Amino acid sequence: MSQKRGKEQDGSSPEEKRQRVPALRRVILEAVKMDTIQKICSTLEPVLRRIVAIKPS
């Protein structure tokens, strides 16, 4: 006879799995933010190097 599963096979309940999703979402959002910051810095680096290289007379 088949039995209904009350919990997942790994022992975690559906509520526990739902709590892990926001953590994964935060990790993904943090990675996207870091990628965006990296792109901005890469774009600004040549401009900042030129500004620093200019010596006032």
Foldseek 3Di string as FASTA:
>chain_A
DDDDDQADPVPDRPVVVVVVVVVVVVVVVVVVVVVVVVVVCVVCVVVVVVVVPDDDD
